[in-house]
Amino acid sequence: MIDGNGIPSAEIMTAEQLERVQIPGKSTELVRGRLVVLEPPGTYHGELAGRLLVRVGAFVESHRLGAVFAQDTGFKIASNPDTVRAPDLAFLGHERLAHVARRGYAAVAPDFVAEILSPDDQPGEVRAKIAEWLTAGVRLVWELDPDRRIARIYRPDGSDSLVAADGVLEGDTVLPGFHCELKDLYQD
């Protein structure tokens, strides 16, 4: 529930209730009905997310593959209790775009998400979020680690691979033909 000031109580919430939560200067997600309040990402994080958005967005648009969603766009990936997660970047192919309405959180798992690690992220929490994405139906997850200048790729079959600092991110079967040198994202 949400009190008169827009502050959530400790009760289980729904995705619809999350839409009305207003906590100035914070980001929110919903995990199994529980509100998670997050600090907004730092400036470097936003710059990196922007570089990734430009590259993936241009590829998706030029190949008319679907739509790309910017940092902190919420997707309802589970119900009863609801889970609404917000990646740093998401892609939906044309066949899933019908789930996106003008209001609310689309009740659909993206085809692809990218998560950029922040300095204070807890590894267990990040792995849990990636597992939620994959369980919900995401077909490709990139985890970018700017401190170590590497990336890890996760797939629903349980496989994962490491991309070294001099390596290339590839779109696999989700974004066929996409590739981006990791060093181009982590430029300083």
C-alpha atoms as a PDB file:
ATOM      1  CA  MET A   1       0.000   0.000   0.000  1.00  0.00           C
ATOM      2  CA  ILE A   2       0.971   3.603  -0.468  1.00  0.00           C
ATOM      3  CA  ASP A   3       0.283   6.227   2.175  1.00  0.00           C
ATOM      4  CA  GLY A   4      -0.985   9.751   1.489  1.00  0.00           C
ATOM      5  CA  ASN A   5       2.579  10.981   0.892  1.00  0.00           C
ATOM      6  CA  GLY A   6       3.303   8.419  -1.825  1.00  0.00           C
ATOM      7  CA  ILE A   7       5.540   6.360   0.476  1.00  0.00           C
ATOM      8  CA  PRO A   8       5.002   2.586   0.323  1.00  0.00           C
ATOM      9  CA  SER A   9       4.256   0.528   3.394  1.00  0.00           C
ATOM     10  CA  ALA A  10       5.843  -2.861   4.149  1.00  0.00           C
ATOM     11  CA  GLU A  11       2.897  -4.770   2.636  1.00  0.00           C
ATOM     12  CA  ILE A  12       3.087  -6.749  -0.581  1.00  0.00           C
ATOM     13  CA  MET A  13       2.622  -4.408  -3.543  1.00  0.00           C
ATOM     14  CA  THR A  14       1.401  -4.898  -7.087  1.00  0.00           C
ATOM     15  CA  ALA A  15       2.905  -3.514 -10.277  1.00  0.00           C
ATOM     16  CA  GLU A  16      -0.038  -1.100 -10.469  1.00  0.00           C
ATOM     17  CA  GLN A  17       0.747   0.230  -6.995  1.00  0.00           C
ATOM     18  CA  LEU A  18       4.409   0.618  -7.926  1.00  0.00           C
ATOM     19  CA  GLU A  19       3.358   3.019 -10.704  1.00  0.00           C
ATOM     20  CA  ARG A  20       2.149   5.450  -8.024  1.00  0.00           C
ATOM     21  CA  VAL A  21       5.236   5.294  -5.801  1.00  0.00           C
ATOM     22  CA  GLN A  22       7.086   8.586  -5.728  1.00  0.00           C
ATOM     23  CA  ILE A  23      10.330   8.755  -3.815  1.00  0.00           C
ATOM     24  CA  PRO A  24      12.241  11.841  -4.954  1.00  0.00           C
ATOM     25  CA  GLY A  25      15.736  11.129  -6.244  1.00  0.00           C
ATOM     26  CA  LYS A  26      15.356   7.331  -6.112  1.00  0.00           C
ATOM     27  CA  SER A  27      14.667   4.504  -8.534  1.00  0.00           C
ATOM     28  CA  THR A  28      12.375   1.639  -7.608  1.00  0.00           C
ATOM     29  CA  GLU A  29      11.800  -1.979  -8.569  1.00  0.00           C
ATOM     30  CA  LEU A  30       9.446  -4.614  -7.239  1.00  0.00           C
ATOM     31  CA  VAL A  31      10.748  -8.088  -6.311  1.00  0.00           C
ATOM     32  CA  ARG A  32       8.129 -10.693  -5.399  1.00  0.00           C
ATOM     33  CA  GLY A  33       5.840  -7.914  -4.237  1.00  0.00           C
ATOM     34  CA  ARG A  34       8.459  -6.151  -2.127  1.00  0.00           C
ATOM     35  CA  LEU A  35       9.571  -2.634  -2.946  1.00  0.00           C
ATOM     36  CA  VAL A  36      13.281  -2.180  -3.651  1.00  0.00           C
ATOM     37  CA  VAL A  37      14.512   1.416  -3.457  1.00  0.00           C
ATOM     38  CA  LEU A  38      17.684   2.126  -5.397  1.00  0.00           C
ATOM     39  CA  GLU A  39      20.030   5.040  -5.688  1.00  0.00           C
ATOM     40  CA  PRO A  40      20.039   6.493  -9.197  1.00  0.00           C
ATOM     41  CA  PRO A  41      23.043   5.322 -11.199  1.00  0.00           C
ATOM     42  CA  GLY A  42      26.161   7.463 -11.180  1.00  0.00           C
ATOM     43  CA  THR A  43      27.209   9.706 -14.037  1.00  0.00           C
ATOM     44  CA  TYR A  44      29.821   7.336 -15.518  1.00  0.00           C
ATOM     45  CA  HIS A  45      27.254   4.521 -15.384  1.00  0.00           C
ATOM     46  CA  GLY A  46      24.841   6.714 -17.342  1.00  0.00           C
ATOM     47  CA  GLU A  47      27.491   7.588 -19.909  1.00  0.00           C
ATOM     48  CA  LEU A  48      28.309   3.912 -20.437  1.00  0.00           C
ATOM     49  CA  ALA A  49      24.600   3.060 -20.705  1.00  0.00           C
ATOM     50  CA  GLY A  50      24.261   5.858 -23.275  1.00  0.00           C
ATOM     51  CA  ARG A  51      27.133   4.527 -25.397  1.00  0.00           C
ATOM     52  CA  LEU A  52      25.577   1.070 -25.338  1.00  0.00           C
ATOM     53  CA  LEU A  53      22.123   2.433 -26.162  1.00  0.00           C
ATOM     54  CA  VAL A  54      23.456   4.326 -29.186  1.00  0.00           C
ATOM     55  CA  ARG A  55      25.218   1.265 -30.594  1.00  0.00           C
ATOM     56  CA  VAL A  56      22.479  -1.298 -29.953  1.00  0.00           C
ATOM     57  CA  GLY A  57      19.738   1.173 -30.883  1.00  0.00           C
ATOM     58  CA  ALA A  58      21.329   2.066 -34.220  1.00  0.00           C
ATOM     59  CA  PHE A  59      21.760  -1.630 -35.058  1.00  0.00           C
ATOM     60  CA  VAL A  60      18.177  -2.529 -34.114  1.00  0.00           C
ATOM     61  CA  GLU A  61      16.762   0.421 -36.040  1.00  0.00           C
ATOM     62  CA  SER A  62      18.843  -0.119 -39.173  1.00  0.00           C
ATOM     63  CA  HIS A  63      17.845  -3.805 -39.264  1.00  0.00           C
ATOM     64  CA  ARG A  64      14.223  -3.115 -38.224  1.00  0.00           C
ATOM     65  CA  LEU A  65      14.366  -5.738 -35.495  1.00  0.00           C
ATOM     66  CA  GLY A  66      12.067  -4.186 -32.882  1.00  0.00           C
ATOM     67  CA  ALA A  67      12.613  -1.574 -30.165  1.00  0.00           C
ATOM     68  CA  VAL A  68      15.299  -0.677 -27.631  1.00  0.00           C
ATOM     69  CA  PHE A  69      14.417   0.612 -24.160  1.00  0.00           C
ATOM     70  CA  ALA A  70      16.538   3.004 -22.124  1.00  0.00           C
ATOM     71  CA  GLN A  71      17.929   2.662 -18.627  1.00  0.00           C
ATOM     72  CA  ASP A  72      15.429   2.023 -15.815  1.00  0.00           C
ATOM     73  CA  THR A  73      12.454   1.050 -18.018  1.00  0.00           C
ATOM     74  CA  GLY A  74      10.349  -1.352 -15.959  1.00  0.00           C
ATOM     75  CA  PHE A  75       9.142  -4.743 -17.182  1.00  0.00           C
ATOM     76  CA  LYS A  76       6.693  -6.901 -15.216  1.00  0.00           C
ATOM     77  CA  ILE A  77       8.383 -10.297 -15.384  1.00  0.00           C
ATOM     78  CA  ALA A  78       6.386 -12.208 -12.756  1.00  0.00           C
ATOM     79  CA  SER A  79       2.934 -12.086 -11.159  1.00  0.00           C
ATOM     80  CA  ASN A  80       1.313 -13.047  -7.870  1.00  0.00           C
ATOM     81  CA  PRO A  81       3.385 -11.595  -6.298  1.00  0.00           C
ATOM     82  CA  ASP A  82       4.524  -9.124  -8.936  1.00  0.00           C
ATOM     83  CA  THR A  83       8.116  -8.515  -9.943  1.00  0.00           C
ATOM     84  CA  VAL A  84       9.009  -5.417 -11.946  1.00  0.00           C
ATOM     85  CA  ARG A  85      12.660  -5.157 -12.910  1.00  0.00           C
ATOM     86  CA  ALA A  86      14.420  -2.349 -14.784  1.00  0.00           C
ATOM     87  CA  PRO A  87      17.604  -3.135 -16.738  1.00  0.00           C
ATOM     88  CA  ASP A  88      20.129  -0.642 -18.008  1.00  0.00           C
ATOM     89  CA  LEU A  89      19.162  -1.516 -21.588  1.00  0.00           C
ATOM     90  CA  ALA A  90      16.513  -3.789 -23.070  1.00  0.00           C
ATOM     91  CA  PHE A  91      15.459  -4.987 -26.507  1.00  0.00           C
ATOM     92  CA  LEU A  92      12.108  -6.384 -27.610  1.00  0.00           C
ATOM     93  CA  GLY A  93      11.659  -7.968 -31.027  1.00  0.00           C
ATOM     94  CA  HIS A  94       8.617  -7.015 -33.103  1.00  0.00           C
ATOM     95  CA  GLU A  95       6.616 -10.060 -31.970  1.00  0.00           C
ATOM     96  CA  ARG A  96       6.745  -8.909 -28.320  1.00  0.00           C
ATOM     97  CA  LEU A  97       6.074  -5.205 -28.880  1.00  0.00           C
ATOM     98  CA  ALA A  98       2.301  -5.771 -28.732  1.00  0.00           C
ATOM     99  CA  HIS A  99       2.734  -6.160 -24.951  1.00  0.00           C
ATOM    100  CA  VAL A 100       3.856  -2.535 -24.586  1.00  0.00           C
ATOM    101  CA  ALA A 101       1.003  -0.202 -23.673  1.00  0.00           C
ATOM    102  CA  ARG A 102       1.133   3.572 -23.287  1.00  0.00           C
ATOM    103  CA  ARG A 103       0.841   3.227 -19.498  1.00  0.00           C
ATOM    104  CA  GLY A 104       2.163   0.808 -16.940  1.00  0.00           C
ATOM    105  CA  TYR A 105       4.777  -1.902 -17.099  1.00  0.00           C
ATOM    106  CA  ALA A 106       4.725  -4.301 -20.023  1.00  0.00           C
ATOM    107  CA  ALA A 107       4.042  -7.826 -18.780  1.00  0.00           C
ATOM    108  CA  VAL A 108       6.747  -9.343 -20.933  1.00  0.00           C
ATOM    109  CA  ALA A 109      10.370 -10.340 -20.618  1.00  0.00           C
ATOM    110  CA  PRO A 110      12.663  -8.545 -23.050  1.00  0.00           C
ATOM    111  CA  ASP A 111      14.555 -10.637 -25.585  1.00  0.00           C
ATOM    112  CA  PHE A 112      17.830  -9.068 -24.426  1.00  0.00           C
ATOM    113  CA  VAL A 113      18.941  -7.024 -21.412  1.00  0.00           C
ATOM    114  CA  ALA A 114      22.194  -5.404 -20.364  1.00  0.00           C
ATOM    115  CA  GLU A 115      23.106  -4.774 -16.743  1.00  0.00           C
ATOM    116  CA  ILE A 116      25.977  -2.438 -15.935  1.00  0.00           C
ATOM    117  CA  LEU A 117      27.613  -3.005 -12.571  1.00  0.00           C
ATOM    118  CA  SER A 118      27.829  -0.046 -10.223  1.00  0.00           C
ATOM    119  CA  PRO A 119      30.645   0.218  -7.670  1.00  0.00           C
ATOM    120  CA  ASP A 120      28.341  -0.678  -4.743  1.00  0.00           C
ATOM    121  CA  ASP A 121      26.516  -3.590  -6.409  1.00  0.00           C
ATOM    122  CA  GLN A 122      26.562  -6.820  -4.419  1.00  0.00           C
ATOM    123  CA  PRO A 123      27.556  -9.793  -6.635  1.00  0.00           C
ATOM    124  CA  GLY A 124      24.864 -12.066  -5.165  1.00  0.00           C
ATOM    125  CA  GLU A 125      22.131  -9.524  -5.848  1.00  0.00           C
ATOM    126  CA  VAL A 126      23.302  -9.010  -9.432  1.00  0.00           C
ATOM    127  CA  ARG A 127      23.401 -12.777 -10.063  1.00  0.00           C
ATOM    128  CA  ALA A 128      19.903 -13.130  -8.586  1.00  0.00           C
ATOM    129  CA  LYS A 129      18.602 -10.401 -10.897  1.00  0.00           C
ATOM    130  CA  ILE A 130      20.217 -12.061 -13.919  1.00  0.00           C
ATOM    131  CA  ALA A 131      18.652 -15.385 -12.896  1.00  0.00           C
ATOM    132  CA  GLU A 132      15.255 -13.665 -12.688  1.00  0.00           C
ATOM    133  CA  TRP A 133      15.693 -12.267 -16.196  1.00  0.00           C
ATOM    134  CA  LEU A 134      16.617 -15.666 -17.616  1.00  0.00           C
ATOM    135  CA  THR A 135      13.817 -17.470 -15.756  1.00  0.00           C
ATOM    136  CA  ALA A 136      11.328 -14.899 -17.096  1.00  0.00           C
ATOM    137  CA  GLY A 137      12.343 -15.655 -20.694  1.00  0.00           C
ATOM    138  CA  VAL A 138      15.163 -13.253 -21.559  1.00  0.00           C
ATOM    139  CA  ARG A 139      17.284 -14.920 -24.230  1.00  0.00           C
ATOM    140  CA  LEU A 140      20.527 -12.987 -23.735  1.00  0.00           C
ATOM    141  CA  VAL A 141      21.940 -11.019 -20.792  1.00  0.00           C
ATOM    142  CA  TRP A 142      25.086  -8.929 -20.852  1.00  0.00           C
ATOM    143  CA  GLU A 143      26.656  -7.998 -17.538  1.00  0.00           C
ATOM    144  CA  LEU A 144      29.164  -5.180 -18.037  1.00  0.00           C
ATOM    145  CA  ASP A 145      31.820  -4.635 -15.385  1.00  0.00           C
ATOM    146  CA  PRO A 146      33.447  -1.234 -16.022  1.00  0.00           C
ATOM    147  CA  ASP A 147      35.821  -1.492 -13.044  1.00  0.00           C
ATOM    148  CA  ARG A 148      37.391  -4.688 -14.408  1.00  0.00           C
ATOM    149  CA  ARG A 149      36.725  -3.647 -18.049  1.00  0.00           C
ATOM    150  CA  ILE A 150      35.181  -7.034 -18.866  1.00  0.00           C
ATOM    151  CA  ALA A 151      31.731  -8.407 -19.611  1.00  0.00           C
ATOM    152  CA  ARG A 152      29.970 -11.690 -18.974  1.00  0.00           C
ATOM    153  CA  ILE A 153      27.310 -13.128 -21.274  1.00  0.00           C
ATOM    154  CA  TYR A 154      24.481 -15.297 -19.885  1.00  0.00           C
ATOM    155  CA  ARG A 155      22.084 -17.516 -21.802  1.00  0.00           C
ATOM    156  CA  PRO A 156      18.962 -19.466 -20.754  1.00  0.00           C
ATOM    157  CA  ASP A 157      20.659 -22.828 -21.310  1.00  0.00           C
ATOM    158  CA  GLY A 158      22.883 -22.047 -18.317  1.00  0.00           C
ATOM    159  CA  SER A 159      25.960 -21.246 -20.366  1.00  0.00           C
ATOM    160  CA  ASP A 160      27.928 -18.105 -19.780  1.00  0.00           C
ATOM    161  CA  SER A 161      31.077 -16.679 -21.267  1.00  0.00           C
ATOM    162  CA  LEU A 162      33.590 -14.035 -20.352  1.00  0.00           C
ATOM    163  CA  VAL A 163      34.494 -11.207 -22.709  1.00  0.00           C
ATOM    164  CA  ALA A 164      37.969  -9.887 -21.940  1.00  0.00           C
ATOM    165  CA  ALA A 165      38.896  -6.204 -22.160  1.00  0.00           C
ATOM    166  CA  ASP A 166      40.123  -6.668 -25.743  1.00  0.00           C
ATOM    167  CA  GLY A 167      37.108  -8.820 -26.699  1.00  0.00           C
ATOM    168  CA  VAL A 168      33.916  -8.250 -28.647  1.00  0.00           C
ATOM    169  CA  LEU A 169      30.290  -8.269 -27.478  1.00  0.00           C
ATOM    170  CA  GLU A 170      28.098 -10.152 -29.930  1.00  0.00           C
ATOM    171  CA  GLY A 171      24.344 -10.337 -30.295  1.00  0.00           C
ATOM    172  CA  ASP A 172      24.147 -14.125 -30.725  1.00  0.00           C
ATOM    173  CA  THR A 173      20.814 -15.206 -32.239  1.00  0.00           C
ATOM    174  CA  VAL A 174      18.939 -12.363 -30.515  1.00  0.00           C
ATOM    175  CA  LEU A 175      20.709  -9.551 -32.394  1.00  0.00           C
ATOM    176  CA  PRO A 176      22.325 -11.519 -35.242  1.00  0.00           C
ATOM    177  CA  GLY A 177      25.262  -9.682 -36.751  1.00  0.00           C
ATOM    178  CA  PHE A 178      25.677  -7.190 -33.909  1.00  0.00           C
ATOM    179  CA  HIS A 179      29.173  -6.785 -32.542  1.00  0.00           C
ATOM    180  CA  CYS A 180      30.899  -4.119 -30.503  1.00  0.00           C
ATOM    181  CA  GLU A 181      34.431  -4.013 -29.197  1.00  0.00           C
ATOM    182  CA  LEU A 182      34.361  -3.782 -25.431  1.00  0.00           C
ATOM    183  CA  LYS A 183      37.163  -1.213 -25.397  1.00  0.00           C
ATOM    184  CA  ASP A 184      34.891   1.139 -27.393  1.00  0.00           C
ATOM    185  CA  LEU A 185      32.322   1.065 -24.599  1.00  0.00           C
ATOM    186  CA  TYR A 186      34.839   1.501 -21.792  1.00  0.00           C
ATOM    187  CA  GLN A 187      36.617   4.415 -23.447  1.00  0.00           C
ATOM    188  CA  ASP A 188      37.928   7.057 -21.069  1.00  0.00           C
END
